[in-house]
Amino acid sequence: MSMTLKREFNALNAITSREVMRLIKNPGSIIMNIIFPIIFLGFMGGSLSQNLAGNIGYDFLQFVMIGMIAFNMYMGTASGVTSLVVEREMNLTQELYVSPISRYTIMLGKMIGTGIGSLVTILGVIIVALFMHIPLGGMQFFWLILVTPAFILLGGSLAIFFIGFVQDSKLAQMGIMLLIMPQMFFSGTIIPIANSTGILDFLAKLMPLTYVTDLARGVFYWGDPVFDQVVLHHPLYNVTVMTAFFFIFTIIGTFMFAKSERNK
């Protein structure tokens, strides 16, 4: 391994570890990460199941459970990455930006670190699933967990793109939530969108979370008789679209963020 690659790898590991330690030292954040899916899956999912699901041909709560796992990974990482703006304003990461490491390494380390923290939300989902007798699916759930890094990276890349253009910390924190929360309702996270048409279908196709959620269900329901009912696209199609989004968001966002840092 060349000295440059070794330096970048060590920096990536250090930044990731820093984010994980921040989570460990903040039990309040861990508790909130567990409570959030309990509220949405337990209350909202339960209410929709009782009032809207009807005879749809598949377990609606399981459908929502998968969507919530994808959404929590996506949102948790995105909201965590926006803290880069706060840290920059307070000069907490100044040593990173003057060190001889790639800006992409900094961004990737931030994404991975906050993404690992977001994994805590899965515990909340499991608690609700056990309490409400939602089938976890055995090995299907295991395969779903294996692809969560894809959800983490795309959520983080969206945040990097956003903070590349938004320099105010308060605006960044509020703005990322306004950018992500609507996606939960239009991307099929909790409400099926297979029959959406017109503007709703157009919006769904523009939203990265649509492909994140669909990939999650594609992996979980692969080989299941209800696959065609709950999955919109082939998993490889979703991976391709997500990869394109990731590189576009990361490259443009990192460039703009680094540019604003130089002009600070």
Protein backbone atom coordinates (compact mmCIF):
# COMPACT_ATOMS: atom_id res chain seq x y z
CA MET A 1 0.00 0.00 0.00
CA SER A 2 1.41 3.37 -1.02
CA MET A 3 1.98 6.06 1.61
CA THR A 4 -0.82 8.17 0.12
CA LEU A 5 -3.37 5.36 0.28
CA LYS A 6 -2.26 4.46 3.78
CA ARG A 7 -2.65 8.07 4.91
CA GLU A 8 -6.13 8.29 3.39
CA PHE A 9 -7.18 4.98 4.95
CA ASN A 10 -5.92 6.01 8.39
CA ALA A 11 -7.72 9.35 8.09
CA LEU A 12 -10.93 7.58 7.04
CA ASN A 13 -10.70 5.25 10.02
CA ALA A 14 -10.01 8.15 12.40
CA ILE A 15 -12.95 10.24 11.16
CA THR A 16 -15.31 7.26 11.27
CA SER A 17 -14.18 6.35 14.80
CA ARG A 18 -14.65 9.96 15.90
CA GLU A 19 -18.27 9.94 14.77
CA VAL A 20 -18.98 6.60 16.47
CA MET A 21 -17.45 7.86 19.74
CA ARG A 22 -19.60 10.98 19.56
CA LEU A 23 -22.67 8.77 19.41
CA ILE A 24 -21.53 6.60 22.31
CA LYS A 25 -20.96 9.71 24.43
CA ASN A 26 -24.46 10.99 23.61
CA PRO A 27 -26.99 8.50 25.04
CA GLY A 28 -29.83 10.94 24.33
CA SER A 29 -29.17 10.59 20.62
CA ILE A 30 -29.19 6.80 20.91
CA ILE A 31 -32.54 6.89 22.71
CA MET A 32 -34.06 9.18 20.08
CA ASN A 33 -32.79 6.92 17.30
CA ILE A 34 -34.64 4.05 18.94
CA ILE A 35 -37.82 5.98 19.72
CA PHE A 36 -38.26 7.48 16.23
CA PRO A 37 -39.05 4.19 14.43
CA ILE A 38 -41.26 3.13 17.33
CA ILE A 39 -43.42 6.22 16.81
CA PHE A 40 -43.65 5.97 13.03
CA LEU A 41 -43.89 2.20 12.64
CA GLY A 42 -45.90 1.55 15.79
CA PHE A 43 -48.38 4.38 15.63
CA MET A 44 -48.52 5.57 12.03
CA GLY A 45 -47.96 2.14 10.51
CA GLY A 46 -50.47 0.57 12.87
CA SER A 47 -53.09 3.21 12.11
CA LEU A 48 -52.64 2.87 8.34
CA SER A 49 -52.80 -0.91 8.61
CA GLN A 50 -56.10 -0.79 10.48
CA ASN A 51 -57.75 1.83 8.30
CA LEU A 52 -56.28 1.65 4.79
CA ALA A 53 -54.57 -1.69 4.18
CA GLY A 54 -57.64 -3.84 3.63
CA ASN A 55 -57.16 -6.94 1.50
CA ILE A 56 -54.02 -5.90 -0.35
CA GLY A 57 -52.57 -9.38 -0.58
CA TYR A 58 -49.50 -8.95 1.62
CA ASP A 59 -48.56 -8.03 5.18
CA PHE A 60 -48.85 -4.24 5.20
CA LEU A 61 -47.00 -3.75 8.51
CA GLN A 62 -44.09 -5.80 7.20
CA PHE A 63 -44.17 -3.61 4.08
CA VAL A 64 -43.94 -0.48 6.27
CA MET A 65 -41.28 -2.03 8.52
CA ILE A 66 -38.92 -2.51 5.56
CA GLY A 67 -39.59 1.03 4.38
CA MET A 68 -38.87 2.45 7.82
CA ILE A 69 -35.52 0.65 8.05
CA ALA A 70 -34.48 2.12 4.71
CA PHE A 71 -35.78 5.58 5.66
CA ASN A 72 -34.08 5.65 9.07
CA MET A 73 -30.70 4.72 7.59
CA TYR A 74 -31.13 7.33 4.85
CA MET A 75 -32.41 10.13 7.08
CA GLY A 76 -30.13 9.41 10.04
CA THR A 77 -27.00 9.63 7.93
CA ALA A 78 -28.18 12.72 6.06
CA SER A 79 -29.01 14.64 9.23
CA GLY A 80 -25.69 13.60 10.80
CA VAL A 81 -23.62 14.75 7.84
CA THR A 82 -25.14 18.25 7.97
CA SER A 83 -23.34 18.73 11.31
CA LEU A 84 -20.25 19.44 9.18
CA VAL A 85 -21.62 22.95 8.70
CA VAL A 86 -21.98 23.44 12.46
CA GLU A 87 -18.50 22.06 13.11
CA ARG A 88 -17.03 24.33 10.47
CA GLU A 89 -18.69 27.41 11.96
CA MET A 90 -17.29 26.52 15.39
CA ASN A 91 -13.85 25.67 13.94
CA LEU A 92 -14.06 22.16 15.41
CA THR A 93 -12.77 20.49 12.25
CA GLN A 94 -10.29 23.09 11.06
CA GLU A 95 -7.41 20.65 11.45
CA LEU A 96 -9.08 18.29 8.99
CA TYR A 97 -9.28 20.87 6.24
CA VAL A 98 -5.65 21.92 6.56
CA SER A 99 -4.35 18.34 6.68
CA PRO A 100 -3.03 16.68 3.49
CA ILE A 101 -5.99 14.35 3.02
CA SER A 102 -8.64 14.27 0.33
CA ARG A 103 -11.91 16.08 0.95
CA TYR A 104 -13.64 12.94 -0.30
CA THR A 105 -12.01 10.98 2.53
CA ILE A 106 -13.41 13.47 5.05
CA MET A 107 -16.89 13.23 3.56
CA LEU A 108 -16.82 9.44 3.31
CA GLY A 109 -15.61 9.09 6.89
CA LYS A 110 -18.42 11.36 8.07
CA MET A 111 -20.97 9.32 6.10
CA ILE A 112 -19.78 5.97 7.42
CA GLY A 113 -19.50 7.18 11.01
CA THR A 114 -22.96 8.73 11.15
CA GLY A 115 -24.35 5.77 9.24
CA ILE A 116 -23.07 3.35 11.88
CA GLY A 117 -24.83 5.50 14.45
CA SER A 118 -28.06 5.21 12.45
CA LEU A 119 -27.94 1.43 12.73
CA VAL A 120 -29.24 1.87 16.28
CA THR A 121 -32.66 2.65 14.80
CA ILE A 122 -32.95 -0.98 13.69
CA LEU A 123 -33.25 -1.93 17.36
CA GLY A 124 -36.35 0.26 17.61
CA VAL A 125 -37.82 -1.42 14.53
CA ILE A 126 -37.18 -4.89 15.98
CA ILE A 127 -38.83 -3.88 19.27
CA VAL A 128 -41.97 -2.74 17.44
CA ALA A 129 -41.95 -5.81 15.17
CA LEU A 130 -41.82 -8.19 18.14
CA PHE A 131 -44.49 -6.27 20.06
CA MET A 132 -46.86 -6.05 17.06
CA HIS A 133 -46.07 -9.59 15.81
CA ILE A 134 -44.67 -8.35 12.49
CA PRO A 135 -42.78 -11.18 10.72
CA LEU A 136 -39.06 -10.34 10.54
CA GLY A 137 -38.53 -12.85 7.76
CA GLY A 138 -35.52 -14.74 9.11
CA MET A 139 -32.75 -14.74 6.50
CA GLN A 140 -34.67 -12.15 4.49
CA PHE A 141 -34.11 -9.67 7.32
CA PHE A 142 -30.42 -10.61 7.39
CA TRP A 143 -30.03 -9.88 3.64
CA LEU A 144 -31.80 -6.58 4.16
CA ILE A 145 -29.33 -5.56 6.88
CA LEU A 146 -26.43 -6.43 4.56
CA VAL A 147 -27.50 -3.80 2.01
CA THR A 148 -28.04 -0.99 4.54
CA PRO A 149 -24.61 0.52 3.68
CA ALA A 150 -26.11 1.51 0.32
CA PHE A 151 -28.88 3.43 2.11
CA ILE A 152 -26.33 5.10 4.36
CA LEU A 153 -24.08 6.22 1.52
CA LEU A 154 -26.90 7.67 -0.57
CA GLY A 155 -28.40 9.55 2.37
CA GLY A 156 -24.99 10.93 3.25
CA SER A 157 -24.27 11.96 -0.33
CA LEU A 158 -27.57 13.86 -0.52
CA ALA A 159 -26.61 15.79 2.62
CA ILE A 160 -23.17 16.58 1.19
CA PHE A 161 -24.80 17.91 -1.97
CA PHE A 162 -27.17 20.03 0.13
CA ILE A 163 -24.53 21.56 2.42
CA GLY A 164 -22.39 22.30 -0.61
CA PHE A 165 -24.89 25.06 -1.39
CA VAL A 166 -26.14 25.93 2.12
CA GLN A 167 -23.58 27.57 4.40
CA ASP A 168 -25.74 28.53 7.39
CA SER A 169 -25.87 25.83 10.08
CA LYS A 170 -29.46 26.47 11.19
CA LEU A 171 -30.69 26.52 7.61
CA ALA A 172 -28.76 23.34 6.88
CA GLN A 173 -30.30 21.44 9.81
CA MET A 174 -33.84 22.58 9.07
CA GLY A 175 -33.45 22.37 5.32
CA ILE A 176 -32.28 18.76 5.24
CA MET A 177 -35.38 17.71 7.19
CA LEU A 178 -37.62 19.64 4.81
CA LEU A 179 -35.83 17.93 1.93
CA ILE A 180 -36.15 14.41 3.35
CA MET A 181 -39.47 14.23 5.22
CA PRO A 182 -41.65 14.72 2.09
CA GLN A 183 -39.76 11.87 0.46
CA MET A 184 -41.11 9.54 3.14
CA PHE A 185 -44.65 10.08 1.86
CA PHE A 186 -43.98 10.22 -1.88
CA SER A 187 -41.37 7.44 -2.22
CA GLY A 188 -43.43 4.52 -0.95
CA THR A 189 -41.85 4.27 2.49
CA ILE A 190 -45.18 3.92 4.29
CA ILE A 191 -47.75 4.26 1.49
CA PRO A 192 -47.68 2.07 -1.66
CA ILE A 193 -47.00 4.07 -4.84
CA ALA A 194 -47.28 1.32 -7.47
CA ASN A 195 -50.41 2.93 -8.91
CA SER A 196 -49.26 6.56 -8.69
CA THR A 197 -49.71 8.59 -11.87
CA GLY A 198 -49.18 12.16 -13.05
CA ILE A 199 -47.28 14.55 -10.80
CA LEU A 200 -47.10 12.04 -7.93
CA ASP A 201 -45.42 9.46 -10.16
CA PHE A 202 -43.07 12.13 -11.54
CA LEU A 203 -42.04 13.25 -8.03
CA ALA A 204 -41.50 9.66 -6.91
CA LYS A 205 -39.10 9.05 -9.80
CA LEU A 206 -37.07 12.15 -8.85
CA MET A 207 -36.64 11.16 -5.21
CA PRO A 208 -33.56 9.09 -4.28
CA LEU A 209 -35.48 7.54 -1.38
CA THR A 210 -37.80 5.84 -3.88
CA TYR A 211 -34.94 3.67 -5.12
CA VAL A 212 -33.57 3.11 -1.60
CA THR A 213 -36.94 1.85 -0.38
CA ASP A 214 -37.53 -0.26 -3.47
CA LEU A 215 -34.09 -1.87 -3.19
CA ALA A 216 -34.79 -2.73 0.44
CA ARG A 217 -38.03 -4.45 -0.50
CA GLY A 218 -36.50 -6.05 -3.56
CA VAL A 219 -33.84 -7.72 -1.41
CA PHE A 220 -36.29 -8.68 1.35
CA TYR A 221 -39.01 -10.10 -0.93
CA TRP A 222 -36.67 -11.71 -3.49
CA GLY A 223 -38.21 -15.08 -4.40
CA ASP A 224 -41.38 -14.31 -2.44
CA PRO A 225 -44.77 -14.73 -4.23
CA VAL A 226 -45.68 -11.11 -3.43
CA PHE A 227 -42.49 -9.71 -5.00
CA ASP A 228 -44.26 -8.26 -8.05
CA GLN A 229 -46.91 -6.64 -5.85
CA VAL A 230 -44.55 -4.69 -3.59
CA VAL A 231 -41.40 -4.10 -5.70
CA LEU A 232 -41.35 -1.49 -8.47
CA HIS A 233 -38.03 -2.22 -10.19
CA HIS A 234 -35.44 -4.96 -10.40
CA PRO A 235 -32.84 -4.54 -7.60
CA LEU A 236 -30.05 -4.04 -10.17
CA TYR A 237 -31.94 -1.11 -11.66
CA ASN A 238 -32.28 0.46 -8.22
CA VAL A 239 -28.57 -0.07 -7.52
CA THR A 240 -27.67 1.57 -10.84
CA VAL A 241 -29.82 4.65 -10.17
CA MET A 242 -28.57 4.93 -6.59
CA THR A 243 -24.95 4.70 -7.75
CA ALA A 244 -25.52 7.51 -10.24
CA PHE A 245 -27.15 9.67 -7.56
CA PHE A 246 -24.29 8.92 -5.14
CA PHE A 247 -21.51 10.00 -7.48
CA ILE A 248 -23.35 13.10 -8.71
CA PHE A 249 -24.24 14.25 -5.18
CA THR A 250 -20.83 13.45 -3.70
CA ILE A 251 -18.69 14.97 -6.44
CA ILE A 252 -20.69 18.18 -6.81
CA GLY A 253 -21.36 18.55 -3.09
CA THR A 254 -17.75 17.98 -2.04
CA PHE A 255 -16.49 20.40 -4.67
CA MET A 256 -18.90 23.13 -3.55
CA PHE A 257 -18.25 22.51 0.15
CA ALA A 258 -14.48 22.66 -0.34
CA LYS A 259 -14.89 25.81 -2.44
CA SER A 260 -16.89 27.52 0.31
CA GLU A 261 -14.23 26.45 2.82
CA ARG A 262 -11.52 28.14 0.78
CA ASN A 263 -13.63 31.29 0.49
CA LYS A 264 -14.41 31.38 4.20
